[in-house]
Amino acid sequence: MNNPSELFGKTVLFLKDLKVKHESYSFPSGAFILDIWINNKFFVLQFDNHYVGISEVNDRNIGFGSEPDEKFYDNQSYWRKLENIVKQVI
């Protein structure tokens, strides 16, 4: 994963441009969490030094844990997934 801090910043700008509701959190470890709401769906993105994790919180997955639903170890795979998620609001 290339520079999670930079990727986090690009993601926030991308969401702002699309007017997607989001909240962010940073941790002393250097990790970032980004909560996003798209229509009636809620996603949690975890930016770690080695991967970006994405979880959808819903009736089947009501709790958020430290292990995401999916992990992306390269920027391209992560962007493809994020773009598929936000297509729901475009």
PDB file of N, CA and C in Angstrom:
ATOM      1  N   MET A   1       0.859  -1.174   0.000  1.00  0.00           N
ATOM      2  CA  MET A   1       0.000   0.000   0.000  1.00  0.00           C
ATOM      3  C   MET A   1       0.898   1.227   0.000  1.00  0.00           C
ATOM      4  N   ASN A   2       0.673   2.089  -0.956  1.00  0.00           N
ATOM      5  CA  ASN A   2       1.464   3.318  -1.067  1.00  0.00           C
ATOM      6  C   ASN A   2       0.880   4.413  -0.186  1.00  0.00           C
ATOM      7  N   ASN A   3       1.653   4.942   0.700  1.00  0.00           N
ATOM      8  CA  ASN A   3       1.332   6.104   1.525  1.00  0.00           C
ATOM      9  C   ASN A   3      -0.148   6.195   1.935  1.00  0.00           C
ATOM     10  N   PRO A   4      -0.548   5.496   3.001  1.00  0.00           N
ATOM     11  CA  PRO A   4      -1.952   5.505   3.423  1.00  0.00           C
ATOM     12  C   PRO A   4      -2.464   6.901   3.779  1.00  0.00           C
ATOM     13  N   SER A   5      -1.609   7.763   4.276  1.00  0.00           N
ATOM     14  CA  SER A   5      -2.033   9.121   4.611  1.00  0.00           C
ATOM     15  C   SER A   5      -2.452   9.891   3.361  1.00  0.00           C
ATOM     16  N   GLU A   6      -1.665   9.770   2.312  1.00  0.00           N
ATOM     17  CA  GLU A   6      -1.989  10.436   1.050  1.00  0.00           C
ATOM     18  C   GLU A   6      -3.266   9.849   0.431  1.00  0.00           C
ATOM     19  N   LEU A   7      -3.397   8.537   0.474  1.00  0.00           N
ATOM     20  CA  LEU A   7      -4.580   7.872  -0.064  1.00  0.00           C
ATOM     21  C   LEU A   7      -5.829   8.286   0.710  1.00  0.00           C
ATOM     22  N   PHE A   8      -5.702   8.397   2.017  1.00  0.00           N
ATOM     23  CA  PHE A   8      -6.806   8.867   2.848  1.00  0.00           C
ATOM     24  C   PHE A   8      -7.233  10.270   2.413  1.00  0.00           C
ATOM     25  N   GLY A   9      -6.263  11.172   2.245  1.00  0.00           N
ATOM     26  CA  GLY A   9      -6.561  12.540   1.837  1.00  0.00           C
ATOM     27  C   GLY A   9      -7.250  12.601   0.487  1.00  0.00           C
ATOM     28  N   LYS A  10      -6.792  11.807  -0.470  1.00  0.00           N
ATOM     29  CA  LYS A  10      -7.418  11.758  -1.789  1.00  0.00           C
ATOM     30  C   LYS A  10      -8.848  11.222  -1.698  1.00  0.00           C
ATOM     31  N   THR A  11      -9.049  10.258  -0.821  1.00  0.00           N
ATOM     32  CA  THR A  11     -10.386   9.689  -0.638  1.00  0.00           C
ATOM     33  C   THR A  11     -11.331  10.735  -0.075  1.00  0.00           C
ATOM     34  N   VAL A  12     -10.889  11.488   0.914  1.00  0.00           N
ATOM     35  CA  VAL A  12     -11.726  12.538   1.507  1.00  0.00           C
ATOM     36  C   VAL A  12     -12.096  13.581   0.448  1.00  0.00           C
ATOM     37  N   LEU A  13     -11.146  14.005  -0.350  1.00  0.00           N
ATOM     38  CA  LEU A  13     -11.437  14.971  -1.415  1.00  0.00           C
ATOM     39  C   LEU A  13     -12.429  14.403  -2.432  1.00  0.00           C
ATOM     40  N   PHE A  14     -12.268  13.157  -2.789  1.00  0.00           N
ATOM     41  CA  PHE A  14     -13.168  12.474  -3.712  1.00  0.00           C
ATOM     42  C   PHE A  14     -14.596  12.480  -3.163  1.00  0.00           C
ATOM     43  N   LEU A  15     -14.744  12.150  -1.875  1.00  0.00           N
ATOM     44  CA  LEU A  15     -16.077  12.119  -1.255  1.00  0.00           C
ATOM     45  C   LEU A  15     -16.675  13.517  -1.152  1.00  0.00           C
ATOM     46  N   LYS A  16     -15.840  14.506  -0.822  1.00  0.00           N
ATOM     47  CA  LYS A  16     -16.329  15.890  -0.751  1.00  0.00           C
ATOM     48  C   LYS A  16     -16.840  16.358  -2.105  1.00  0.00           C
ATOM     49  N   ASP A  17     -16.098  16.052  -3.159  1.00  0.00           N
ATOM     50  CA  ASP A  17     -16.511  16.449  -4.507  1.00  0.00           C
ATOM     51  C   ASP A  17     -17.868  15.867  -4.877  1.00  0.00           C
ATOM     52  N   LEU A  18     -18.140  14.652  -4.407  1.00  0.00           N
ATOM     53  CA  LEU A  18     -19.412  13.988  -4.698  1.00  0.00           C
ATOM     54  C   LEU A  18     -20.496  14.304  -3.666  1.00  0.00           C
ATOM     55  N   LYS A  19     -20.120  15.102  -2.655  1.00  0.00           N
ATOM     56  CA  LYS A  19     -21.040  15.463  -1.572  1.00  0.00           C
ATOM     57  C   LYS A  19     -21.566  14.234  -0.818  1.00  0.00           C
ATOM     58  N   VAL A  20     -20.663  13.293  -0.588  1.00  0.00           N
ATOM     59  CA  VAL A  20     -20.976  12.088   0.180  1.00  0.00           C
ATOM     60  C   VAL A  20     -20.707  12.386   1.652  1.00  0.00           C
ATOM     61  N   LYS A  21     -21.696  12.115   2.490  1.00  0.00           N
ATOM     62  CA  LYS A  21     -21.541  12.338   3.928  1.00  0.00           C
ATOM     63  C   LYS A  21     -20.453  11.409   4.463  1.00  0.00           C
ATOM     64  N   HIS A  22     -19.544  11.989   5.250  1.00  0.00           N
ATOM     65  CA  HIS A  22     -18.453  11.196   5.812  1.00  0.00           C
ATOM     66  C   HIS A  22     -17.913  11.855   7.082  1.00  0.00           C
ATOM     67  N   GLU A  23     -17.289  11.044   7.902  1.00  0.00           N
ATOM     68  CA  GLU A  23     -16.586  11.504   9.107  1.00  0.00           C
ATOM     69  C   GLU A  23     -15.273  10.747   9.180  1.00  0.00           C
ATOM     70  N   SER A  24     -14.237  11.422   9.647  1.00  0.00           N
ATOM     71  CA  SER A  24     -12.931  10.773   9.712  1.00  0.00           C
ATOM     72  C   SER A  24     -12.356  10.825  11.121  1.00  0.00           C
ATOM     73  N   TYR A  25     -11.484   9.858  11.378  1.00  0.00           N
ATOM     74  CA  TYR A  25     -10.816   9.737  12.671  1.00  0.00           C
ATOM     75  C   TYR A  25      -9.374   9.324  12.406  1.00  0.00           C
ATOM     76  N   SER A  26      -8.457   9.878  13.167  1.00  0.00           N
ATOM     77  CA  SER A  26      -7.057   9.459  13.054  1.00  0.00           C
ATOM     78  C   SER A  26      -6.596   8.942  14.415  1.00  0.00           C
ATOM     79  N   PHE A  27      -5.580   8.101  14.372  1.00  0.00           N
ATOM     80  CA  PHE A  27      -5.072   7.463  15.585  1.00  0.00           C
ATOM     81  C   PHE A  27      -3.567   7.671  15.686  1.00  0.00           C
ATOM     82  N   PRO A  28      -3.030   7.685  16.902  1.00  0.00           N
ATOM     83  CA  PRO A  28      -1.586   7.882  17.091  1.00  0.00           C
ATOM     84  C   PRO A  28      -0.733   6.868  16.323  1.00  0.00           C
ATOM     85  N   SER A  29      -1.290   5.698  16.047  1.00  0.00           N
ATOM     86  CA  SER A  29      -0.547   4.666  15.314  1.00  0.00           C
ATOM     87  C   SER A  29      -0.322   5.040  13.859  1.00  0.00           C
ATOM     88  N   GLY A  30      -1.021   6.070  13.378  1.00  0.00           N
ATOM     89  CA  GLY A  30      -0.921   6.452  11.975  1.00  0.00           C
ATOM     90  C   GLY A  30      -2.069   5.915  11.141  1.00  0.00           C
ATOM     91  N   ALA A  31      -2.956   5.148  11.757  1.00  0.00           N
ATOM     92  CA  ALA A  31      -4.119   4.609  11.056  1.00  0.00           C
ATOM     93  C   ALA A  31      -5.217   5.672  10.976  1.00  0.00           C
ATOM     94  N   PHE A  32      -6.066   5.542   9.972  1.00  0.00           N
ATOM     95  CA  PHE A  32      -7.207   6.434   9.779  1.00  0.00           C
ATOM     96  C   PHE A  32      -8.464   5.599   9.597  1.00  0.00           C
ATOM     97  N   ILE A  33      -9.570   6.102  10.085  1.00  0.00           N
ATOM     98  CA  ILE A  33     -10.886   5.496   9.874  1.00  0.00           C
ATOM     99  C   ILE A  33     -11.748   6.538   9.180  1.00  0.00           C
ATOM    100  N   LEU A  34     -12.499   6.082   8.198  1.00  0.00           N
ATOM    101  CA  LEU A  34     -13.393   6.967   7.468  1.00  0.00           C
ATOM    102  C   LEU A  34     -14.763   6.296   7.399  1.00  0.00           C
ATOM    103  N   ASP A  35     -15.752   6.921   8.017  1.00  0.00           N
ATOM    104  CA  ASP A  35     -17.131   6.446   7.955  1.00  0.00           C
ATOM    105  C   ASP A  35     -17.820   7.165   6.809  1.00  0.00           C
ATOM    106  N   ILE A  36     -18.523   6.414   5.963  1.00  0.00           N
ATOM    107  CA  ILE A  36     -19.256   7.053   4.877  1.00  0.00           C
ATOM    108  C   ILE A  36     -20.676   6.511   4.819  1.00  0.00           C
ATOM    109  N   TRP A  37     -21.593   7.415   4.509  1.00  0.00           N
ATOM    110  CA  TRP A  37     -23.004   7.080   4.374  1.00  0.00           C
ATOM    111  C   TRP A  37     -23.423   7.351   2.937  1.00  0.00           C
ATOM    112  N   ILE A  38     -23.932   6.328   2.283  1.00  0.00           N
ATOM    113  CA  ILE A  38     -24.405   6.459   0.910  1.00  0.00           C
ATOM    114  C   ILE A  38     -25.828   5.931   0.871  1.00  0.00           C
ATOM    115  N   ASN A  39     -26.742   6.852   0.611  1.00  0.00           N
ATOM    116  CA  ASN A  39     -28.166   6.530   0.689  1.00  0.00           C
ATOM    117  C   ASN A  39     -28.444   5.918   2.060  1.00  0.00           C
ATOM    118  N   ASN A  40     -28.923   4.703   2.122  1.00  0.00           N
ATOM    119  CA  ASN A  40     -29.202   4.078   3.426  1.00  0.00           C
ATOM    120  C   ASN A  40     -28.128   3.082   3.831  1.00  0.00           C
ATOM    121  N   LYS A  41     -26.949   3.199   3.235  1.00  0.00           N
ATOM    122  CA  LYS A  41     -25.860   2.266   3.545  1.00  0.00           C
ATOM    123  C   LYS A  41     -24.751   2.983   4.307  1.00  0.00           C
ATOM    124  N   PHE A  42     -24.106   2.219   5.184  1.00  0.00           N
ATOM    125  CA  PHE A  42     -23.035   2.751   6.023  1.00  0.00           C
ATOM    126  C   PHE A  42     -21.794   1.887   5.831  1.00  0.00           C
ATOM    127  N   PHE A  43     -20.678   2.521   5.487  1.00  0.00           N
ATOM    128  CA  PHE A  43     -19.414   1.826   5.265  1.00  0.00           C
ATOM    129  C   PHE A  43     -18.341   2.399   6.180  1.00  0.00           C
ATOM    130  N   VAL A  44     -17.431   1.532   6.590  1.00  0.00           N
ATOM    131  CA  VAL A  44     -16.280   1.941   7.387  1.00  0.00           C
ATOM    132  C   VAL A  44     -15.025   1.574   6.603  1.00  0.00           C
ATOM    133  N   LEU A  45     -14.176   2.555   6.377  1.00  0.00           N
ATOM    134  CA  LEU A  45     -12.910   2.341   5.673  1.00  0.00           C
ATOM    135  C   LEU A  45     -11.778   2.494   6.673  1.00  0.00           C
ATOM    136  N   GLN A  46     -10.867   1.539   6.677  1.00  0.00           N
ATOM    137  CA  GLN A  46      -9.719   1.545   7.584  1.00  0.00           C
ATOM    138  C   GLN A  46      -8.449   1.706   6.751  1.00  0.00           C
ATOM    139  N   PHE A  47      -7.699   2.748   7.004  1.00  0.00           N
ATOM    140  CA  PHE A  47      -6.447   2.981   6.293  1.00  0.00           C
ATOM    141  C   PHE A  47      -5.304   2.591   7.218  1.00  0.00           C
ATOM    142  N   ASP A  48      -4.655   1.505   6.900  1.00  0.00           N
ATOM    143  CA  ASP A  48      -3.570   0.952   7.690  1.00  0.00           C
ATOM    144  C   ASP A  48      -2.284   1.114   6.879  1.00  0.00           C
ATOM    145  N   ASN A  49      -1.158   0.854   7.460  1.00  0.00           N
ATOM    146  CA  ASN A  49       0.109   0.960   6.728  1.00  0.00           C
ATOM    147  C   ASN A  49       0.244  -0.066   5.609  1.00  0.00           C
ATOM    148  N   HIS A  50      -0.496  -1.171   5.696  1.00  0.00           N
ATOM    149  CA  HIS A  50      -0.335  -2.256   4.732  1.00  0.00           C
ATOM    150  C   HIS A  50      -1.541  -2.477   3.828  1.00  0.00           C
ATOM    151  N   TYR A  51      -2.688  -1.944   4.199  1.00  0.00           N
ATOM    152  CA  TYR A  51      -3.896  -2.176   3.417  1.00  0.00           C
ATOM    153  C   TYR A  51      -4.958  -1.126   3.730  1.00  0.00           C
ATOM    154  N   VAL A  52      -5.999  -1.112   2.890  1.00  0.00           N
ATOM    155  CA  VAL A  52      -7.220  -0.382   3.203  1.00  0.00           C
ATOM    156  C   VAL A  52      -8.297  -1.438   3.369  1.00  0.00           C
ATOM    157  N   GLY A  53      -9.001  -1.376   4.486  1.00  0.00           N
ATOM    158  CA  GLY A  53     -10.096  -2.305   4.732  1.00  0.00           C
ATOM    159  C   GLY A  53     -11.427  -1.609   4.544  1.00  0.00           C
ATOM    160  N   ILE A  54     -12.382  -2.339   3.993  1.00  0.00           N
ATOM    161  CA  ILE A  54     -13.727  -1.801   3.807  1.00  0.00           C
ATOM    162  C   ILE A  54     -14.724  -2.772   4.407  1.00  0.00           C
ATOM    163  N   SER A  55     -15.616  -2.226   5.227  1.00  0.00           N
ATOM    164  CA  SER A  55     -16.700  -3.012   5.819  1.00  0.00           C
ATOM    165  C   SER A  55     -18.007  -2.285   5.596  1.00  0.00           C
ATOM    166  N   GLU A  56     -19.049  -3.048   5.307  1.00  0.00           N
ATOM    167  CA  GLU A  56     -20.391  -2.488   5.262  1.00  0.00           C
ATOM    168  C   GLU A  56     -21.098  -2.910   6.538  1.00  0.00           C
ATOM    169  N   VAL A  57     -21.603  -1.940   7.270  1.00  0.00           N
ATOM    170  CA  VAL A  57     -22.343  -2.226   8.502  1.00  0.00           C
ATOM    171  C   VAL A  57     -23.817  -2.290   8.112  1.00  0.00           C
ATOM    172  N   ASN A  58     -24.434  -3.449   8.372  1.00  0.00           N
ATOM    173  CA  ASN A  58     -25.835  -3.662   8.007  1.00  0.00           C
ATOM    174  C   ASN A  58     -26.463  -4.683   8.959  1.00  0.00           C
ATOM    175  N   ASP A  59     -27.650  -5.181   8.616  1.00  0.00           N
ATOM    176  CA  ASP A  59     -28.339  -6.141   9.485  1.00  0.00           C
ATOM    177  C   ASP A  59     -27.543  -7.428   9.691  1.00  0.00           C
ATOM    178  N   ARG A  60     -26.797  -7.849   8.675  1.00  0.00           N
ATOM    179  CA  ARG A  60     -25.991  -9.075   8.784  1.00  0.00           C
ATOM    180  C   ARG A  60     -24.652  -8.818   9.459  1.00  0.00           C
ATOM    181  N   ASN A  61     -24.183  -7.602   9.404  1.00  0.00           N
ATOM    182  CA  ASN A  61     -22.880  -7.226   9.944  1.00  0.00           C
ATOM    183  C   ASN A  61     -23.083  -5.996  10.823  1.00  0.00           C
ATOM    184  N   ILE A  62     -23.689  -6.205  12.000  1.00  0.00           N
ATOM    185  CA  ILE A  62     -24.120  -5.072  12.816  1.00  0.00           C
ATOM    186  C   ILE A  62     -23.015  -4.459  13.657  1.00  0.00           C
ATOM    187  N   GLY A  63     -21.970  -5.196  13.880  1.00  0.00           N
ATOM    188  CA  GLY A  63     -20.887  -4.657  14.691  1.00  0.00           C
ATOM    189  C   GLY A  63     -19.678  -4.375  13.843  1.00  0.00           C
ATOM    190  N   PHE A  64     -18.908  -3.426  14.251  1.00  0.00           N
ATOM    191  CA  PHE A  64     -17.673  -3.123  13.542  1.00  0.00           C
ATOM    192  C   PHE A  64     -16.518  -3.614  14.387  1.00  0.00           C
ATOM    193  N   GLY A  65     -15.652  -4.418  13.783  1.00  0.00           N
ATOM    194  CA  GLY A  65     -14.501  -4.941  14.497  1.00  0.00           C
ATOM    195  C   GLY A  65     -13.214  -4.494  13.842  1.00  0.00           C
ATOM    196  N   SER A  66     -12.129  -4.993  14.342  1.00  0.00           N
ATOM    197  CA  SER A  66     -10.831  -4.602  13.796  1.00  0.00           C
ATOM    198  C   SER A  66     -10.531  -5.284  12.470  1.00  0.00           C
ATOM    199  N   GLU A  67     -11.244  -6.362  12.144  1.00  0.00           N
ATOM    200  CA  GLU A  67     -11.047  -7.050  10.869  1.00  0.00           C
ATOM    201  C   GLU A  67     -12.109  -6.622   9.871  1.00  0.00           C
ATOM    202  N   PRO A  68     -11.698  -5.985   8.785  1.00  0.00           N
ATOM    203  CA  PRO A  68     -12.664  -5.522   7.785  1.00  0.00           C
ATOM    204  C   PRO A  68     -13.234  -6.674   6.956  1.00  0.00           C
ATOM    205  N   ASP A  69     -14.334  -6.403   6.269  1.00  0.00           N
ATOM    206  CA  ASP A  69     -14.932  -7.385   5.359  1.00  0.00           C
ATOM    207  C   ASP A  69     -13.978  -7.717   4.218  1.00  0.00           C
ATOM    208  N   GLU A  70     -13.331  -6.696   3.675  1.00  0.00           N
ATOM    209  CA  GLU A  70     -12.397  -6.867   2.560  1.00  0.00           C
ATOM    210  C   GLU A  70     -11.148  -6.034   2.824  1.00  0.00           C
ATOM    211  N   LYS A  71     -10.012  -6.556   2.393  1.00  0.00           N
ATOM    212  CA  LYS A  71      -8.745  -5.822   2.495  1.00  0.00           C
ATOM    213  C   LYS A  71      -8.187  -5.607   1.094  1.00  0.00           C
ATOM    214  N   PHE A  72      -7.651  -4.415   0.862  1.00  0.00           N
ATOM    215  CA  PHE A  72      -7.055  -4.069  -0.420  1.00  0.00           C
ATOM    216  C   PHE A  72      -5.612  -3.662  -0.173  1.00  0.00           C
ATOM    217  N   TYR A  73      -4.698  -4.370  -0.822  1.00  0.00           N
ATOM    218  CA  TYR A  73      -3.272  -4.151  -0.598  1.00  0.00           C
ATOM    219  C   TYR A  73      -2.628  -3.262  -1.662  1.00  0.00           C
ATOM    220  N   ASP A  74      -3.401  -2.897  -2.677  1.00  0.00           N
ATOM    221  CA  ASP A  74      -2.878  -1.982  -3.688  1.00  0.00           C
ATOM    222  C   ASP A  74      -3.924  -0.904  -3.965  1.00  0.00           C
ATOM    223  N   ASN A  75      -3.446   0.252  -4.365  1.00  0.00           N
ATOM    224  CA  ASN A  75      -4.317   1.410  -4.557  1.00  0.00           C
ATOM    225  C   ASN A  75      -5.359   1.194  -5.650  1.00  0.00           C
ATOM    226  N   GLN A  76      -4.980   0.537  -6.732  1.00  0.00           N
ATOM    227  CA  GLN A  76      -5.903   0.358  -7.850  1.00  0.00           C
ATOM    228  C   GLN A  76      -7.114  -0.477  -7.460  1.00  0.00           C
ATOM    229  N   SER A  77      -6.898  -1.564  -6.762  1.00  0.00           N
ATOM    230  CA  SER A  77      -8.021  -2.412  -6.328  1.00  0.00           C
ATOM    231  C   SER A  77      -8.930  -1.649  -5.375  1.00  0.00           C
ATOM    232  N   TYR A  78      -8.312  -0.905  -4.477  1.00  0.00           N
ATOM    233  CA  TYR A  78      -9.093  -0.096  -3.534  1.00  0.00           C
ATOM    234  C   TYR A  78      -9.956   0.916  -4.273  1.00  0.00           C
ATOM    235  N   TRP A  79      -9.377   1.659  -5.241  1.00  0.00           N
ATOM    236  CA  TRP A  79     -10.134   2.680  -5.968  1.00  0.00           C
ATOM    237  C   TRP A  79     -11.287   2.076  -6.756  1.00  0.00           C
ATOM    238  N   ARG A  80     -11.064   0.913  -7.360  1.00  0.00           N
ATOM    239  CA  ARG A  80     -12.149   0.248  -8.097  1.00  0.00           C
ATOM    240  C   ARG A  80     -13.314  -0.053  -7.164  1.00  0.00           C
ATOM    241  N   LYS A  81     -13.012  -0.572  -5.985  1.00  0.00           N
ATOM    242  CA  LYS A  81     -14.062  -0.892  -5.018  1.00  0.00           C
ATOM    243  C   LYS A  81     -14.772   0.371  -4.557  1.00  0.00           C
ATOM    244  N   LEU A  82     -14.020   1.408  -4.211  1.00  0.00           N
ATOM    245  CA  LEU A  82     -14.628   2.652  -3.746  1.00  0.00           C
ATOM    246  C   LEU A  82     -15.518   3.256  -4.829  1.00  0.00           C
ATOM    247  N   GLU A  83     -15.047   3.261  -6.053  1.00  0.00           N
ATOM    248  CA  GLU A  83     -15.861   3.804  -7.143  1.00  0.00           C
ATOM    249  C   GLU A  83     -17.150   3.014  -7.330  1.00  0.00           C
ATOM    250  N   ASN A  84     -17.092   1.700  -7.169  1.00  0.00           N
ATOM    251  CA  ASN A  84     -18.311   0.888  -7.251  1.00  0.00           C
ATOM    252  C   ASN A  84     -19.283   1.218  -6.127  1.00  0.00           C
ATOM    253  N   ILE A  85     -18.758   1.486  -4.949  1.00  0.00           N
ATOM    254  CA  ILE A  85     -19.616   1.846  -3.814  1.00  0.00           C
ATOM    255  C   ILE A  85     -20.291   3.196  -4.059  1.00  0.00           C
ATOM    256  N   VAL A  86     -19.543   4.182  -4.501  1.00  0.00           N
ATOM    257  CA  VAL A  86     -20.117   5.531  -4.646  1.00  0.00           C
ATOM    258  C   VAL A  86     -20.988   5.688  -5.891  1.00  0.00           C
ATOM    259  N   LYS A  87     -20.934   4.742  -6.821  1.00  0.00           N
ATOM    260  CA  LYS A  87     -21.821   4.789  -7.976  1.00  0.00           C
ATOM    261  C   LYS A  87     -23.280   4.829  -7.546  1.00  0.00           C
ATOM    262  N   GLN A  88     -23.549   4.414  -6.334  1.00  0.00           N
ATOM    263  CA  GLN A  88     -24.898   4.394  -5.800  1.00  0.00           C
ATOM    264  C   GLN A  88     -25.455   5.799  -5.606  1.00  0.00           C
ATOM    265  N   VAL A  89     -24.597   6.809  -5.586  1.00  0.00           N
ATOM    266  CA  VAL A  89     -25.070   8.186  -5.365  1.00  0.00           C
ATOM    267  C   VAL A  89     -24.929   9.063  -6.605  1.00  0.00           C
ATOM    268  N   ILE A  90     -24.262   8.574  -7.599  1.00  0.00           N
ATOM    269  CA  ILE A  90     -24.040   9.394  -8.791  1.00  0.00           C
ATOM    270  C   ILE A  90     -25.249   9.331  -9.700  1.00  0.00           C
TER     271      ILE A  90
END
